[in-house]
């Protein structure tokens, strides 16, 4: 989350990067890749809704929403 330089000549350009992560765990959340990916995607949407730069485990309530 801390800004860092991009290497520009003047040293003025700065960027900051964050990540939101959704976690789905086999076999509890599924055994097929497509299902796990869809559930991890549902979890990452919850993480982003809660302020970005966060992580969230899959919860069946997120899938319904």
PDB file of N, CA and C in Angstrom:
ATOM      1  N   UNK A   1       0.812  -1.194   0.000  1.00  0.00           N
ATOM      2  CA  UNK A   1       0.000   0.000   0.000  1.00  0.00           C
ATOM      3  C   UNK A   1       0.862   1.267   0.000  1.00  0.00           C
ATOM      4  N   UNK A   2       2.121   1.144   0.359  1.00  0.00           N
ATOM      5  CA  UNK A   2       3.005   2.311   0.353  1.00  0.00           C
ATOM      6  C   UNK A   2       3.411   2.637  -1.073  1.00  0.00           C
ATOM      7  N   UNK A   3       3.318   3.903  -1.473  1.00  0.00           N
ATOM      8  CA  UNK A   3       3.733   4.276  -2.825  1.00  0.00           C
ATOM      9  C   UNK A   3       5.230   4.031  -3.051  1.00  0.00           C
ATOM     10  N   UNK A   4       5.572   3.725  -4.281  1.00  0.00           N
ATOM     11  CA  UNK A   4       6.979   3.557  -4.639  1.00  0.00           C
ATOM     12  C   UNK A   4       7.228   4.227  -5.980  1.00  0.00           C
ATOM     13  N   UNK A   5       8.474   4.558  -6.226  1.00  0.00           N
ATOM     14  CA  UNK A   5       8.853   5.244  -7.454  1.00  0.00           C
ATOM     15  C   UNK A   5       8.801   4.328  -8.659  1.00  0.00           C
ATOM     16  N   UNK A   6       8.568   4.940  -9.807  1.00  0.00           N
ATOM     17  CA  UNK A   6       8.485   4.173 -11.052  1.00  0.00           C
ATOM     18  C   UNK A   6       9.795   4.155 -11.818  1.00  0.00           C
ATOM     19  N   UNK A   7      10.781   4.903 -11.327  1.00  0.00           N
ATOM     20  CA  UNK A   7      12.059   4.958 -12.018  1.00  0.00           C
ATOM     21  C   UNK A   7      12.165   6.098 -13.004  1.00  0.00           C
ATOM     22  N   UNK A   8      11.216   7.029 -12.959  1.00  0.00           N
ATOM     23  CA  UNK A   8      11.284   8.170 -13.871  1.00  0.00           C
ATOM     24  C   UNK A   8      12.486   9.046 -13.520  1.00  0.00           C
ATOM     25  N   UNK A   9      12.944   9.795 -14.460  1.00  0.00           N
ATOM     26  CA  UNK A   9      14.175  10.586 -14.288  1.00  0.00           C
ATOM     27  C   UNK A   9      14.067  11.626 -13.182  1.00  0.00           C
ATOM     28  N   UNK A  10      12.905  12.233 -13.021  1.00  0.00           N
ATOM     29  CA  UNK A  10      12.753  13.281 -12.013  1.00  0.00           C
ATOM     30  C   UNK A  10      12.441  12.712 -10.629  1.00  0.00           C
ATOM     31  N   UNK A  11      12.089  11.453 -10.564  1.00  0.00           N
ATOM     32  CA  UNK A  11      11.743  10.841  -9.282  1.00  0.00           C
ATOM     33  C   UNK A  11      10.418  11.307  -8.718  1.00  0.00           C
ATOM     34  N   UNK A  12       9.535  11.778  -9.574  1.00  0.00           N
ATOM     35  CA  UNK A  12       8.256  12.325  -9.126  1.00  0.00           C
ATOM     36  C   UNK A  12       7.101  11.345  -9.244  1.00  0.00           C
ATOM     37  N   UNK A  13       7.201  10.403 -10.162  1.00  0.00           N
ATOM     38  CA  UNK A  13       6.100   9.475 -10.392  1.00  0.00           C
ATOM     39  C   UNK A  13       6.096   8.385  -9.317  1.00  0.00           C
ATOM     40  N   UNK A  14       4.938   8.213  -8.678  1.00  0.00           N
ATOM     41  CA  UNK A  14       4.775   7.213  -7.636  1.00  0.00           C
ATOM     42  C   UNK A  14       3.498   6.416  -7.902  1.00  0.00           C
ATOM     43  N   UNK A  15       3.517   5.157  -7.559  1.00  0.00           N
ATOM     44  CA  UNK A  15       2.328   4.314  -7.659  1.00  0.00           C
ATOM     45  C   UNK A  15       2.195   3.516  -6.364  1.00  0.00           C
ATOM     46  N   UNK A  16       0.975   3.087  -6.085  1.00  0.00           N
ATOM     47  CA  UNK A  16       0.705   2.208  -4.952  1.00  0.00           C
ATOM     48  C   UNK A  16      -0.155   1.058  -5.462  1.00  0.00           C
ATOM     49  N   UNK A  17       0.116  -0.126  -5.002  1.00  0.00           N
ATOM     50  CA  UNK A  17      -0.605  -1.317  -5.452  1.00  0.00           C
ATOM     51  C   UNK A  17      -1.223  -1.996  -4.235  1.00  0.00           C
ATOM     52  N   UNK A  18      -2.471  -2.428  -4.382  1.00  0.00           N
ATOM     53  CA  UNK A  18      -3.122  -3.237  -3.356  1.00  0.00           C
ATOM     54  C   UNK A  18      -3.658  -4.499  -4.016  1.00  0.00           C
ATOM     55  N   UNK A  19      -4.035  -5.457  -3.225  1.00  0.00           N
ATOM     56  CA  UNK A  19      -4.601  -6.692  -3.753  1.00  0.00           C
ATOM     57  C   UNK A  19      -5.772  -7.125  -2.886  1.00  0.00           C
ATOM     58  N   UNK A  20      -6.803  -7.611  -3.540  1.00  0.00           N
ATOM     59  CA  UNK A  20      -7.928  -8.230  -2.859  1.00  0.00           C
ATOM     60  C   UNK A  20      -7.886  -9.703  -3.229  1.00  0.00           C
ATOM     61  N   UNK A  21      -8.042 -10.574  -2.238  1.00  0.00           N
ATOM     62  CA  UNK A  21      -7.871 -12.010  -2.456  1.00  0.00           C
ATOM     63  C   UNK A  21      -9.103 -12.764  -1.986  1.00  0.00           C
ATOM     64  N   UNK A  22      -9.567 -13.678  -2.808  1.00  0.00           N
ATOM     65  CA  UNK A  22     -10.661 -14.575  -2.449  1.00  0.00           C
ATOM     66  C   UNK A  22     -10.120 -15.981  -2.336  1.00  0.00           C
ATOM     67  N   UNK A  23     -10.503 -16.682  -1.278  1.00  0.00           N
ATOM     68  CA  UNK A  23      -9.971 -18.012  -1.007  1.00  0.00           C
ATOM     69  C   UNK A  23     -11.095 -19.044  -0.999  1.00  0.00           C
ATOM     70  N   UNK A  24     -10.917 -20.112  -1.772  1.00  0.00           N
ATOM     71  CA  UNK A  24     -11.795 -21.277  -1.746  1.00  0.00           C
ATOM     72  C   UNK A  24     -10.887 -22.491  -1.555  1.00  0.00           C
ATOM     73  N   UNK A  25     -11.284 -23.383  -0.660  1.00  0.00           N
ATOM     74  CA  UNK A  25     -10.430 -24.503  -0.267  1.00  0.00           C
ATOM     75  C   UNK A  25     -11.099 -25.827  -0.624  1.00  0.00           C
ATOM     76  N   UNK A  26     -10.376 -26.694  -1.314  1.00  0.00           N
ATOM     77  CA  UNK A  26     -10.867 -28.034  -1.624  1.00  0.00           C
ATOM     78  C   UNK A  26     -10.550 -28.954  -0.455  1.00  0.00           C
ATOM     79  N   UNK A  27     -11.341 -29.908  -0.147  1.00  0.00           N
ATOM     80  CA  UNK A  27     -12.602 -30.264  -0.796  1.00  0.00           C
ATOM     81  C   UNK A  27     -13.817 -29.568  -0.178  1.00  0.00           C
ATOM     82  N   UNK A  28     -13.623 -28.766   0.861  1.00  0.00           N
ATOM     83  CA  UNK A  28     -14.760 -28.134   1.550  1.00  0.00           C
ATOM     84  C   UNK A  28     -15.619 -27.275   0.635  1.00  0.00           C
ATOM     85  N   UNK A  29     -15.012 -26.560  -0.291  1.00  0.00           N
ATOM     86  CA  UNK A  29     -15.745 -25.639  -1.161  1.00  0.00           C
ATOM     87  C   UNK A  29     -15.938 -26.187  -2.564  1.00  0.00           C
ATOM     88  N   UNK A  30     -15.522 -27.417  -2.791  1.00  0.00           N
ATOM     89  CA  UNK A  30     -15.682 -28.059  -4.090  1.00  0.00           C
ATOM     90  C   UNK A  30     -14.429 -28.821  -4.468  1.00  0.00           C
ATOM     91  N   UNK A  31     -14.569 -29.670  -5.463  1.00  0.00           N
ATOM     92  CA  UNK A  31     -13.414 -30.454  -5.931  1.00  0.00           C
ATOM     93  C   UNK A  31     -13.088 -30.170  -7.395  1.00  0.00           C
ATOM     94  N   UNK A  32     -14.016 -29.586  -8.114  1.00  0.00           N
ATOM     95  CA  UNK A  32     -13.772 -29.259  -9.508  1.00  0.00           C
ATOM     96  C   UNK A  32     -13.193 -27.854  -9.606  1.00  0.00           C
ATOM     97  N   UNK A  33     -12.215 -27.691 -10.501  1.00  0.00           N
ATOM     98  CA  UNK A  33     -11.531 -26.414 -10.652  1.00  0.00           C
ATOM     99  C   UNK A  33     -12.502 -25.265 -10.904  1.00  0.00           C
ATOM    100  N   UNK A  34     -13.452 -25.467 -11.816  1.00  0.00           N
ATOM    101  CA  UNK A  34     -14.378 -24.394 -12.177  1.00  0.00           C
ATOM    102  C   UNK A  34     -15.194 -23.940 -10.976  1.00  0.00           C
ATOM    103  N   UNK A  35     -15.627 -24.880 -10.157  1.00  0.00           N
ATOM    104  CA  UNK A  35     -16.424 -24.531  -8.984  1.00  0.00           C
ATOM    105  C   UNK A  35     -15.572 -23.779  -7.959  1.00  0.00           C
ATOM    106  N   UNK A  36     -14.349 -24.257  -7.741  1.00  0.00           N
ATOM    107  CA  UNK A  36     -13.455 -23.573  -6.806  1.00  0.00           C
ATOM    108  C   UNK A  36     -13.145 -22.160  -7.280  1.00  0.00           C
ATOM    109  N   UNK A  37     -12.899 -21.998  -8.571  1.00  0.00           N
ATOM    110  CA  UNK A  37     -12.609 -20.676  -9.124  1.00  0.00           C
ATOM    111  C   UNK A  37     -13.808 -19.739  -8.962  1.00  0.00           C
ATOM    112  N   UNK A  38     -15.006 -20.234  -9.231  1.00  0.00           N
ATOM    113  CA  UNK A  38     -16.212 -19.416  -9.083  1.00  0.00           C
ATOM    114  C   UNK A  38     -16.410 -19.010  -7.625  1.00  0.00           C
ATOM    115  N   UNK A  39     -16.122 -19.913  -6.716  1.00  0.00           N
ATOM    116  CA  UNK A  39     -16.296 -19.596  -5.302  1.00  0.00           C
ATOM    117  C   UNK A  39     -15.204 -18.656  -4.795  1.00  0.00           C
ATOM    118  N   UNK A  40     -14.000 -18.796  -5.312  1.00  0.00           N
ATOM    119  CA  UNK A  40     -12.937 -17.842  -4.962  1.00  0.00           C
ATOM    120  C   UNK A  40     -13.295 -16.465  -5.502  1.00  0.00           C
ATOM    121  N   UNK A  41     -13.907 -16.414  -6.681  1.00  0.00           N
ATOM    122  CA  UNK A  41     -14.341 -15.150  -7.257  1.00  0.00           C
ATOM    123  C   UNK A  41     -15.429 -14.508  -6.392  1.00  0.00           C
ATOM    124  N   UNK A  42     -16.365 -15.314  -5.889  1.00  0.00           N
ATOM    125  CA  UNK A  42     -17.395 -14.788  -4.986  1.00  0.00           C
ATOM    126  C   UNK A  42     -16.752 -14.228  -3.720  1.00  0.00           C
ATOM    127  N   UNK A  43     -15.735 -14.909  -3.214  1.00  0.00           N
ATOM    128  CA  UNK A  43     -15.042 -14.444  -2.009  1.00  0.00           C
ATOM    129  C   UNK A  43     -14.281 -13.152  -2.258  1.00  0.00           C
ATOM    130  N   UNK A  44     -13.682 -13.001  -3.426  1.00  0.00           N
ATOM    131  CA  UNK A  44     -12.940 -11.769  -3.717  1.00  0.00           C
ATOM    132  C   UNK A  44     -13.904 -10.592  -3.866  1.00  0.00           C
ATOM    133  N   UNK A  45     -15.097 -10.833  -4.366  1.00  0.00           N
ATOM    134  CA  UNK A  45     -16.094  -9.752  -4.434  1.00  0.00           C
ATOM    135  C   UNK A  45     -16.442  -9.258  -3.034  1.00  0.00           C
ATOM    136  N   UNK A  46     -16.576 -10.180  -2.083  1.00  0.00           N
ATOM    137  CA  UNK A  46     -16.846  -9.798  -0.686  1.00  0.00           C
ATOM    138  C   UNK A  46     -15.682  -8.985  -0.141  1.00  0.00           C
ATOM    139  N   UNK A  47     -14.452  -9.418  -0.421  1.00  0.00           N
ATOM    140  CA  UNK A  47     -13.275  -8.686   0.053  1.00  0.00           C
ATOM    141  C   UNK A  47     -13.278  -7.262  -0.488  1.00  0.00           C
ATOM    142  N   UNK A  48     -13.591  -7.090  -1.755  1.00  0.00           N
ATOM    143  CA  UNK A  48     -13.621  -5.756  -2.365  1.00  0.00           C
ATOM    144  C   UNK A  48     -14.745  -4.904  -1.790  1.00  0.00           C
ATOM    145  N   UNK A  49     -15.892  -5.518  -1.529  1.00  0.00           N
ATOM    146  CA  UNK A  49     -17.014  -4.777  -0.955  1.00  0.00           C
ATOM    147  C   UNK A  49     -16.684  -4.284   0.456  1.00  0.00           C
ATOM    148  N   UNK A  50     -15.788  -4.968   1.134  1.00  0.00           N
ATOM    149  CA  UNK A  50     -15.415  -4.593   2.496  1.00  0.00           C
ATOM    150  C   UNK A  50     -14.235  -3.633   2.542  1.00  0.00           C
ATOM    151  N   UNK A  51     -13.875  -3.052   1.424  1.00  0.00           N
ATOM    152  CA  UNK A  51     -12.880  -1.994   1.444  1.00  0.00           C
ATOM    153  C   UNK A  51     -11.648  -2.220   0.598  1.00  0.00           C
ATOM    154  N   UNK A  52     -11.598  -3.237  -0.189  1.00  0.00           N
ATOM    155  CA  UNK A  52     -10.437  -3.523  -1.036  1.00  0.00           C
ATOM    156  C   UNK A  52      -9.165  -3.696  -0.212  1.00  0.00           C
ATOM    157  N   UNK A  53      -8.174  -4.272  -0.824  1.00  0.00           N
ATOM    158  CA  UNK A  53      -6.922  -4.524  -0.121  1.00  0.00           C
ATOM    159  C   UNK A  53      -7.109  -5.503   1.024  1.00  0.00           C
ATOM    160  N   UNK A  54      -8.063  -6.412   0.881  1.00  0.00           N
ATOM    161  CA  UNK A  54      -8.393  -7.367   1.936  1.00  0.00           C
ATOM    162  C   UNK A  54      -8.467  -8.768   1.360  1.00  0.00           C
ATOM    163  N   UNK A  55      -8.693  -9.733   2.225  1.00  0.00           N
ATOM    164  CA  UNK A  55      -8.886 -11.107   1.786  1.00  0.00           C
ATOM    165  C   UNK A  55     -10.149 -11.636   2.448  1.00  0.00           C
ATOM    166  N   UNK A  56     -10.728 -12.656   1.816  1.00  0.00           N
ATOM    167  CA  UNK A  56     -11.958 -13.242   2.332  1.00  0.00           C
ATOM    168  C   UNK A  56     -12.010 -14.707   1.937  1.00  0.00           C
ATOM    169  N   UNK A  57     -12.430 -15.551   2.879  1.00  0.00           N
ATOM    170  CA  UNK A  57     -12.691 -16.952   2.576  1.00  0.00           C
ATOM    171  C   UNK A  57     -14.097 -17.073   2.012  1.00  0.00           C
ATOM    172  N   UNK A  58     -14.308 -18.059   1.159  1.00  0.00           N
ATOM    173  CA  UNK A  58     -15.618 -18.316   0.595  1.00  0.00           C
ATOM    174  C   UNK A  58     -16.612 -18.614   1.700  1.00  0.00           C
ATOM    175  N   UNK A  59     -17.796 -18.049   1.552  1.00  0.00           N
ATOM    176  CA  UNK A  59     -18.908 -18.284   2.456  1.00  0.00           C
ATOM    177  C   UNK A  59     -20.131 -18.527   1.568  1.00  0.00           C
ATOM    178  N   UNK A  60     -20.875 -19.548   1.837  1.00  0.00           N
ATOM    179  CA  UNK A  60     -22.016 -19.885   0.975  1.00  0.00           C
ATOM    180  C   UNK A  60     -22.998 -18.727   0.825  1.00  0.00           C
ATOM    181  N   UNK A  61     -23.081 -17.831   1.812  1.00  0.00           N
ATOM    182  CA  UNK A  61     -23.975 -16.670   1.699  1.00  0.00           C
ATOM    183  C   UNK A  61     -23.526 -15.754   0.562  1.00  0.00           C
ATOM    184  N   UNK A  62     -22.235 -15.695   0.278  1.00  0.00           N
ATOM    185  CA  UNK A  62     -21.715 -14.862  -0.817  1.00  0.00           C
ATOM    186  C   UNK A  62     -22.150 -15.436  -2.161  1.00  0.00           C
ATOM    187  N   UNK A  63     -22.231 -16.748  -2.255  1.00  0.00           N
ATOM    188  CA  UNK A  63     -22.634 -17.383  -3.505  1.00  0.00           C
ATOM    189  C   UNK A  63     -24.095 -17.071  -3.830  1.00  0.00           C
ATOM    190  N   UNK A  64     -24.924 -17.040  -2.824  1.00  0.00           N
ATOM    191  CA  UNK A  64     -26.342 -16.742  -3.019  1.00  0.00           C
ATOM    192  C   UNK A  64     -26.508 -15.299  -3.470  1.00  0.00           C
ATOM    193  N   UNK A  65     -25.729 -14.400  -2.863  1.00  0.00           N
ATOM    194  CA  UNK A  65     -25.826 -12.979  -3.221  1.00  0.00           C
ATOM    195  C   UNK A  65     -25.348 -12.774  -4.632  1.00  0.00           C
TER     196      UNK A  65
END
